[in-house]
Amino acid sequence: MLSIKNKILTSFYLVLLAGSFNSFATVLPEDRADALYHAYDGGGVTVSGPSILVRKKVLESFSVSANYYVDMVSSASIDVETTASAYTEERTQYSVGVDYLRGKTIISFNFTNSSESDYEANTTTLGISQDFFGDLTTLSIGYSQGDDTVRKNGQEDFSQPVQRQNYRLGLSQIITKNFLINLATETITDEGFLNNPYRSVRFIDPSVPIGYSYQAEQYPNTKTSTAGSIIGKYFLPYHAAVSLEYRIYSDTWGVNAQNYEIAYTQPIGDHFVVDLSYRYYTQDHGNFYSDLFPFQNSQNFLARDKELSTYTSNSFGAGITYDFKMDFIGLDKGSVNLFVNYFQYKYEDFRDLRVQDTPGTEPFYNYNAIVTRAFISFWY
């Protein structure tokens, strides 16, 4: 099933596929082709695979795009180690999109299909971006609808629907020639089977030697989440740029989160660009989450997903880009890029059951992860 690791890995191409949404000027995306290799390694999970993205202008007013993306997953995470067997799977994603430019307005449409052995997702996205006040202000609105199907390997008659809707609003403003600001908000509604069919919760059971037993988790079938962000970017006199971001999140399951990020971009000479970033994330646990329930069926909804627990994370990022000119079979320029992010996760109420101890006194779980993205881009 789609996890936080997949979201981290796909975020880069989701930005590229978004076209002009939340951009600072109403122009069509440039003609380009990208070939990416991505890798995630952390918490007993490895995810890797290729991706290809192609964009092309058509008839002056249109830009079309297509993306192929693969995740090859091998998992022996802490959940798997304590309640299941290690597994491997592959997720394949296809996306097609079109942007239409008319005056100072861009209308964008995108369709994405994501398929794996136990999850099928189809997402349709519509976005509209409009420039105002001499192109100093850009207002963007967007809507996405997802129709997903949750299945369970080894149980052919298990099939549950999930419907998702996403509403977005963004405002980009040029304050001065060196200072840009972006405000954005989004609301997501989910309805259907929202939990993992493989995951279990544990409860105190004095009748067994380890002191606890397991039962299947049970989630509500609806959730509404809201997020807002403010991003400021300042261009420094020596051609560098610094950006600051603050993001806040809350949902009807009781999860509240905040995210702070600072990033710095520095050109070196005529061909190199270096990017550095630091991100801090913190969240509170959901209303129906517990690492250890007092007894079986102790409440209507039960969760022991570490992503619903209380935790913090730190991320350190570094990247380098090499740009080069070229005049070969219709190509104008190219770039070679390498980005690496190092993540630290620290959980405050999710315990490591690989360590045998009195139930509820096991050490809290922590792990580190590395995300690597290497890609080459061509403009034509």
Protein backbone atom coordinates (compact mmCIF):
# COMPACT_ATOMS: atom_id res chain seq x y z
CA MET A 1 0.00 0.00 0.00
CA LEU A 2 1.08 3.62 -0.62
CA SER A 3 3.13 4.69 2.40
CA ILE A 4 5.05 7.69 3.67
CA LYS A 5 8.14 6.33 1.89
CA ASN A 6 6.37 6.35 -1.46
CA LYS A 7 5.17 9.90 -0.82
CA ILE A 8 8.70 11.09 -0.12
CA LEU A 9 10.01 9.46 -3.28
CA THR A 10 7.24 10.68 -5.59
CA SER A 11 7.10 14.25 -4.28
CA PHE A 12 9.79 15.46 -6.72
CA TYR A 13 7.89 14.41 -9.84
CA LEU A 14 4.56 15.53 -8.43
CA VAL A 15 6.03 19.03 -8.38
CA LEU A 16 7.16 18.75 -12.00
CA LEU A 17 3.81 17.32 -13.11
CA ALA A 18 1.93 20.10 -11.35
CA GLY A 19 2.83 22.37 -14.23
CA SER A 20 2.16 26.02 -13.44
CA PHE A 21 0.16 25.50 -10.26
CA ASN A 22 1.42 27.90 -7.58
CA SER A 23 3.97 29.37 -9.98
CA PHE A 24 4.93 33.02 -10.07
CA ALA A 25 4.15 33.67 -13.75
CA THR A 26 1.61 32.37 -16.19
CA VAL A 27 3.78 30.64 -18.77
CA LEU A 28 3.70 27.13 -20.13
CA PRO A 29 6.29 24.69 -18.77
CA GLU A 30 9.42 24.33 -20.86
CA ASP A 31 9.91 21.42 -23.25
CA ARG A 32 12.04 18.92 -21.37
CA ALA A 33 12.70 15.27 -20.65
CA ASP A 34 13.84 13.83 -17.32
CA ALA A 35 15.21 10.41 -16.45
CA LEU A 36 15.31 9.71 -12.71
CA TYR A 37 16.55 6.94 -10.45
CA HIS A 38 15.31 7.15 -6.87
CA ALA A 39 16.13 5.13 -3.76
CA TYR A 40 14.89 5.04 -0.17
CA ASP A 41 16.58 3.05 2.60
CA GLY A 42 15.46 3.18 6.21
CA GLY A 43 13.50 1.43 8.93
CA GLY A 44 13.93 -1.98 7.30
CA VAL A 45 12.36 -0.75 4.06
CA THR A 46 14.09 -0.24 0.73
CA VAL A 47 12.35 1.38 -2.23
CA SER A 48 13.99 2.06 -5.58
CA GLY A 49 13.17 2.42 -9.23
CA PRO A 50 13.26 4.54 -12.38
CA SER A 51 11.06 7.33 -13.65
CA ILE A 52 10.74 9.04 -17.03
CA LEU A 53 9.03 12.40 -17.56
CA VAL A 54 8.52 14.13 -20.92
CA ARG A 55 6.97 17.55 -21.61
CA LYS A 56 6.23 19.15 -25.00
CA LYS A 57 4.48 22.33 -26.19
CA VAL A 58 1.84 21.87 -28.88
CA LEU A 59 0.24 24.60 -31.05
CA GLU A 60 1.71 27.44 -28.93
CA SER A 61 -1.11 27.26 -26.35
CA PHE A 62 -0.78 23.69 -25.08
CA SER A 63 1.81 21.68 -23.19
CA VAL A 64 1.42 17.93 -22.78
CA SER A 65 3.26 15.66 -20.36
CA ALA A 66 3.65 11.97 -19.63
CA ASN A 67 5.33 10.24 -16.70
CA TYR A 68 6.25 6.63 -15.97
CA TYR A 69 7.30 5.80 -12.41
CA VAL A 70 8.20 2.53 -10.68
CA ASP A 71 8.70 1.66 -7.00
CA MET A 72 10.30 -1.69 -6.20
CA VAL A 73 9.72 -2.30 -2.50
CA SER A 74 11.42 -4.73 -0.12
CA SER A 75 10.07 -4.49 3.40
CA ALA A 76 11.16 -5.91 6.72
CA SER A 77 9.91 -2.94 8.73
CA ILE A 78 9.25 -3.12 12.43
CA ASP A 79 5.55 -3.86 11.76
CA VAL A 80 6.53 -6.71 9.47
CA GLU A 81 9.14 -8.08 11.87
CA THR A 82 6.71 -8.21 14.79
CA THR A 83 3.47 -9.36 13.11
CA ALA A 84 4.19 -10.68 9.59
CA SER A 85 6.79 -11.91 7.11
CA ALA A 86 9.09 -9.82 4.96
CA TYR A 87 7.77 -9.13 1.47
CA THR A 88 8.62 -7.59 -1.88
CA GLU A 89 6.30 -5.83 -4.30
CA GLU A 90 6.27 -3.40 -7.20
CA ARG A 91 4.19 -0.29 -7.74
CA THR A 92 3.81 1.16 -11.23
CA GLN A 93 2.48 4.64 -11.89
CA TYR A 94 1.47 6.30 -15.17
CA SER A 95 0.52 9.97 -15.51
CA VAL A 96 -0.60 12.11 -18.44
CA GLY A 97 -1.32 15.82 -18.35
CA VAL A 98 -2.11 18.86 -20.45
CA ASP A 99 -1.75 22.60 -19.76
CA TYR A 100 -3.73 25.16 -21.77
CA LEU A 101 -2.59 28.81 -21.88
CA ARG A 102 -5.07 31.54 -22.74
CA GLY A 103 -4.00 35.11 -22.03
CA LYS A 104 -2.97 35.21 -18.39
CA THR A 105 -4.77 31.99 -17.49
CA ILE A 106 -3.49 28.42 -17.46
CA ILE A 107 -5.87 25.48 -17.15
CA SER A 108 -4.19 22.19 -16.22
CA PHE A 109 -5.53 18.64 -16.33
CA ASN A 110 -3.76 15.51 -15.12
CA PHE A 111 -4.68 11.84 -14.77
CA THR A 112 -2.63 9.34 -12.76
CA ASN A 113 -2.97 5.58 -12.37
CA SER A 114 -1.00 3.79 -9.67
CA SER A 115 -1.12 0.00 -9.44
CA GLU A 116 0.34 -2.61 -7.10
CA SER A 117 -0.69 -6.09 -6.06
CA ASP A 118 -3.05 -4.93 -3.31
CA TYR A 119 -3.86 -1.31 -4.18
CA GLU A 120 -5.20 0.48 -7.26
CA ALA A 121 -5.44 4.28 -7.39
CA ASN A 122 -6.87 6.55 -10.10
CA THR A 123 -6.58 10.31 -9.60
CA THR A 124 -7.94 13.11 -11.80
CA THR A 125 -6.70 16.66 -11.19
CA LEU A 126 -7.90 20.03 -12.52
CA GLY A 127 -6.10 23.31 -11.82
CA ILE A 128 -6.57 26.94 -12.87
CA SER A 129 -3.93 29.64 -12.49
CA GLN A 130 -4.50 33.36 -13.20
CA ASP A 131 -2.11 36.35 -13.14
CA PHE A 132 -3.20 39.77 -11.87
CA PHE A 133 -1.77 43.25 -11.28
CA GLY A 134 0.91 43.28 -13.93
CA ASP A 135 1.86 39.65 -13.36
CA LEU A 136 2.87 40.41 -9.75
CA THR A 137 0.10 38.24 -8.29
CA THR A 138 -0.88 34.69 -9.21
CA LEU A 139 -4.04 33.03 -7.89
CA SER A 140 -4.32 29.25 -8.25
CA ILE A 141 -7.17 26.88 -7.48
CA GLY A 142 -7.21 23.12 -7.88
CA TYR A 143 -9.39 20.08 -7.39
CA SER A 144 -8.48 16.38 -7.40
CA GLN A 145 -10.66 13.31 -7.19
CA GLY A 146 -9.30 9.88 -6.35
CA ASP A 147 -11.02 6.52 -6.75
CA ASP A 148 -8.96 3.80 -5.07
CA THR A 149 -9.43 0.10 -4.42
CA VAL A 150 -7.85 -1.66 -1.43
CA ARG A 151 -7.18 -5.37 -1.77
CA LYS A 152 -5.48 -7.96 0.43
CA ASN A 153 -2.91 -10.43 -0.86
CA GLY A 154 -3.96 -14.00 -0.13
CA GLN A 155 -7.63 -13.10 0.16
CA GLU A 156 -9.12 -12.77 -3.31
CA ASP A 157 -12.61 -11.79 -2.13
CA PHE A 158 -11.29 -8.74 -0.22
CA SER A 159 -11.92 -5.50 -2.11
CA GLN A 160 -12.78 -2.17 -0.49
CA PRO A 161 -13.28 1.25 -2.13
CA VAL A 162 -11.72 4.56 -1.08
CA GLN A 163 -12.81 7.93 -2.44
CA ARG A 164 -10.68 11.03 -2.00
CA GLN A 165 -11.28 14.69 -2.83
CA ASN A 166 -8.69 17.44 -2.62
CA TYR A 167 -9.40 21.19 -2.77
CA ARG A 168 -6.46 23.63 -3.12
CA LEU A 169 -6.09 27.39 -3.10
CA GLY A 170 -2.81 29.25 -3.60
CA LEU A 171 -1.70 32.87 -3.80
CA SER A 172 1.76 33.87 -5.05
CA GLN A 173 2.92 37.47 -4.68
CA ILE A 174 6.03 39.29 -5.83
CA ILE A 175 6.72 41.75 -2.98
CA THR A 176 9.92 43.29 -4.39
CA LYS A 177 12.27 42.34 -7.18
CA ASN A 178 14.12 40.14 -4.69
CA PHE A 179 11.32 38.83 -2.46
CA LEU A 180 8.56 36.37 -3.33
CA ILE A 181 5.89 34.91 -1.07
CA ASN A 182 3.46 32.04 -1.51
CA LEU A 183 0.37 31.24 0.59
CA ALA A 184 -1.44 27.94 0.11
CA THR A 185 -4.18 25.91 1.75
CA GLU A 186 -5.75 22.57 0.97
CA THR A 187 -8.53 20.40 2.33
CA ILE A 188 -8.72 16.65 1.72
CA THR A 189 -11.70 14.40 2.39
CA ASP A 190 -11.27 10.61 2.48
CA GLU A 191 -14.09 8.09 2.64
CA GLY A 192 -13.99 4.30 2.59
CA PHE A 193 -11.57 1.67 3.89
CA LEU A 194 -8.81 3.88 5.30
CA ASN A 195 -6.72 1.48 7.36
CA ASN A 196 -4.11 -1.11 6.40
CA PRO A 197 -5.67 -4.60 6.03
CA TYR A 198 -2.48 -6.23 7.31
CA ARG A 199 -1.76 -4.13 10.39
CA SER A 200 -2.72 -5.18 13.92
CA VAL A 201 -2.94 -3.50 17.31
CA ARG A 202 -1.85 -5.10 20.55
CA PHE A 203 -3.73 -5.36 23.86
CA ILE A 204 -2.84 -6.62 27.32
CA ASP A 205 -3.44 -10.37 27.64
CA PRO A 206 -2.13 -12.01 30.84
CA SER A 207 -3.00 -15.45 29.47
CA VAL A 208 -0.06 -15.50 27.03
CA PRO A 209 3.65 -15.58 27.97
CA ILE A 210 4.60 -12.23 26.36
CA GLY A 211 1.72 -10.46 28.15
CA TYR A 212 -0.15 -9.17 25.08
CA SER A 213 -2.05 -10.38 22.02
CA TYR A 214 -3.04 -8.86 18.68
CA GLN A 215 -6.25 -7.97 16.87
CA ALA A 216 -6.93 -6.24 13.56
CA GLU A 217 -6.90 -2.46 13.61
CA GLN A 218 -10.16 -0.61 12.97
CA TYR A 219 -10.40 2.94 11.59
CA PRO A 220 -13.29 5.34 10.97
CA ASN A 221 -14.41 5.32 7.33
CA THR A 222 -14.15 9.11 6.94
CA LYS A 223 -11.42 11.68 7.48
CA THR A 224 -11.07 15.36 6.67
CA SER A 225 -7.66 17.02 6.81
CA THR A 226 -6.64 20.64 6.34
CA ALA A 227 -3.18 22.06 5.70
CA GLY A 228 -1.84 25.54 5.20
CA SER A 229 1.60 26.86 4.31
CA ILE A 230 3.53 30.06 3.85
CA ILE A 231 6.75 30.13 1.83
CA GLY A 232 9.04 33.11 1.40
CA LYS A 233 11.98 33.23 -1.00
CA TYR A 234 14.57 35.99 -1.00
CA PHE A 235 17.12 36.43 -3.78
CA LEU A 236 20.48 37.57 -2.43
CA PRO A 237 22.75 40.07 -4.22
CA TYR A 238 25.35 37.41 -5.09
CA HIS A 239 22.85 35.37 -7.15
CA ALA A 240 21.99 32.99 -4.30
CA ALA A 241 18.54 32.49 -2.78
CA VAL A 242 17.21 31.53 0.64
CA SER A 243 13.71 30.24 1.34
CA LEU A 244 11.72 29.71 4.53
CA GLU A 245 8.62 27.55 4.85
CA TYR A 246 6.09 27.00 7.62
CA ARG A 247 3.34 24.41 7.25
CA ILE A 248 0.54 23.40 9.62
CA TYR A 249 -1.75 20.37 9.43
CA SER A 250 -4.76 19.01 11.34
CA ASP A 251 -7.39 16.36 10.73
CA THR A 252 -10.56 14.96 12.24
CA TRP A 253 -8.65 11.98 13.65
CA GLY A 254 -6.89 14.31 16.09
CA VAL A 255 -3.50 14.50 14.36
CA ASN A 256 -1.94 17.97 14.52
CA ALA A 257 1.41 18.65 12.89
CA GLN A 258 3.82 21.46 12.09
CA ASN A 259 6.68 21.67 9.64
CA TYR A 260 9.54 24.18 9.43
CA GLU A 261 12.03 24.26 6.58
CA ILE A 262 14.91 26.45 5.48
CA ALA A 263 16.66 26.05 2.13
CA TYR A 264 19.61 27.74 0.47
CA THR A 265 20.57 27.76 -3.22
CA GLN A 266 24.00 28.88 -4.41
CA PRO A 267 25.25 28.99 -8.02
CA ILE A 268 28.96 28.26 -8.42
CA GLY A 269 30.50 29.54 -11.62
CA ASP A 270 28.57 29.17 -14.85
CA HIS A 271 27.57 25.52 -14.57
CA PHE A 272 27.03 24.38 -10.97
CA VAL A 273 24.21 24.99 -8.47
CA VAL A 274 24.33 23.73 -4.87
CA ASP A 275 21.18 23.27 -2.75
CA LEU A 276 21.14 22.82 1.04
CA SER A 277 18.08 22.36 3.26
CA TYR A 278 16.97 21.54 6.78
CA ARG A 279 13.46 20.45 7.78
CA TYR A 280 11.91 19.86 11.20
CA TYR A 281 8.57 18.09 11.58
CA THR A 282 6.50 17.34 14.69
CA GLN A 283 3.07 15.81 15.24
CA ASP A 284 0.70 14.66 17.99
CA HIS A 285 -0.92 11.23 17.99
CA GLY A 286 -4.42 10.49 16.70
CA ASN A 287 -7.46 10.17 18.96
CA PHE A 288 -7.76 6.40 18.64
CA TYR A 289 -4.05 5.56 18.57
CA SER A 290 -2.36 3.56 21.33
CA ASP A 291 0.80 1.53 21.52
CA LEU A 292 -0.89 -0.87 23.98
CA PHE A 293 -4.64 -1.13 24.55
CA PRO A 294 -5.90 -2.26 28.00
CA PHE A 295 -7.96 -5.17 26.67
CA GLN A 296 -9.43 -6.59 23.44
CA ASN A 297 -12.04 -4.40 21.71
CA SER A 298 -11.44 -1.71 24.34
CA GLN A 299 -12.86 0.98 22.02
CA ASN A 300 -14.68 1.34 18.71
CA PHE A 301 -11.63 2.45 16.71
CA LEU A 302 -8.15 1.03 17.20
CA ALA A 303 -4.83 2.01 15.60
CA ARG A 304 -1.17 1.23 16.18
CA ASP A 305 0.24 2.78 13.01
CA LYS A 306 3.43 4.66 13.90
CA GLU A 307 2.46 7.34 11.38
CA LEU A 308 -0.48 8.19 13.69
CA SER A 309 1.72 8.32 16.80
CA THR A 310 3.53 11.24 18.41
CA TYR A 311 6.91 11.75 16.74
CA THR A 312 9.41 14.24 15.42
CA SER A 313 11.71 14.10 12.43
CA ASN A 314 14.72 16.03 11.19
CA SER A 315 15.78 16.10 7.57
CA PHE A 316 19.06 17.34 6.14
CA GLY A 317 19.28 17.75 2.38
CA ALA A 318 22.04 18.48 -0.10
CA GLY A 319 22.03 18.58 -3.86
CA ILE A 320 24.21 19.56 -6.76
CA THR A 321 23.22 20.40 -10.33
CA TYR A 322 25.51 20.67 -13.33
CA ASP A 323 24.05 22.63 -16.27
CA PHE A 324 25.56 22.38 -19.73
CA LYS A 325 24.83 23.77 -23.18
CA MET A 326 24.39 21.45 -26.12
CA ASP A 327 23.47 21.57 -29.78
CA PHE A 328 22.75 17.99 -30.67
CA ILE A 329 19.76 16.47 -32.53
CA GLY A 330 17.49 19.33 -31.52
CA LEU A 331 18.54 19.54 -27.85
CA ASP A 332 19.25 23.01 -26.38
CA LYS A 333 20.71 22.28 -22.95
CA GLY A 334 20.89 19.67 -20.23
CA SER A 335 21.57 19.14 -16.56
CA VAL A 336 22.82 16.35 -14.31
CA ASN A 337 21.43 16.35 -10.78
CA LEU A 338 22.07 14.52 -7.52
CA PHE A 339 20.02 15.11 -4.35
CA VAL A 340 20.40 13.29 -1.02
CA ASN A 341 18.20 13.66 2.08
CA TYR A 342 18.99 12.18 5.47
CA PHE A 343 15.98 11.66 7.79
CA GLN A 344 15.92 11.05 11.55
CA TYR A 345 12.66 9.76 13.08
CA LYS A 346 12.09 9.75 16.83
CA TYR A 347 8.86 8.25 18.20
CA GLU A 348 7.52 9.21 21.61
CA ASP A 349 4.71 6.66 22.12
CA PHE A 350 5.46 3.83 19.67
CA ARG A 351 7.58 1.09 21.24
CA ASP A 352 10.08 -1.31 19.70
CA LEU A 353 8.57 -4.78 20.22
CA ARG A 354 11.72 -6.45 18.97
CA VAL A 355 13.02 -5.85 22.49
CA GLN A 356 11.35 -8.23 24.95
CA ASP A 357 10.31 -6.48 28.15
CA THR A 358 7.29 -5.88 30.37
CA PRO A 359 4.47 -4.76 28.03
CA GLY A 360 4.40 -0.98 27.86
CA THR A 361 8.02 -0.52 29.00
CA GLU A 362 9.86 -1.47 25.79
CA PRO A 363 12.16 1.26 24.40
CA PHE A 364 10.67 3.78 22.02
CA TYR A 365 11.34 3.16 18.33
CA ASN A 366 13.72 5.37 16.34
CA TYR A 367 15.25 4.99 12.90
CA ASN A 368 17.12 6.86 10.19
CA ALA A 369 16.56 6.88 6.44
CA ILE A 370 18.34 8.08 3.31
CA VAL A 371 16.57 9.23 0.15
CA THR A 372 18.64 9.56 -3.02
CA ARG A 373 17.51 11.04 -6.34
CA ALA A 374 19.80 11.08 -9.36
CA PHE A 375 18.40 12.40 -12.64
CA ILE A 376 19.34 13.92 -15.93
CA SER A 377 17.27 16.51 -17.78
CA PHE A 378 17.24 17.73 -21.38
CA TRP A 379 15.55 20.84 -22.80
CA TYR A 380 14.62 20.94 -26.47
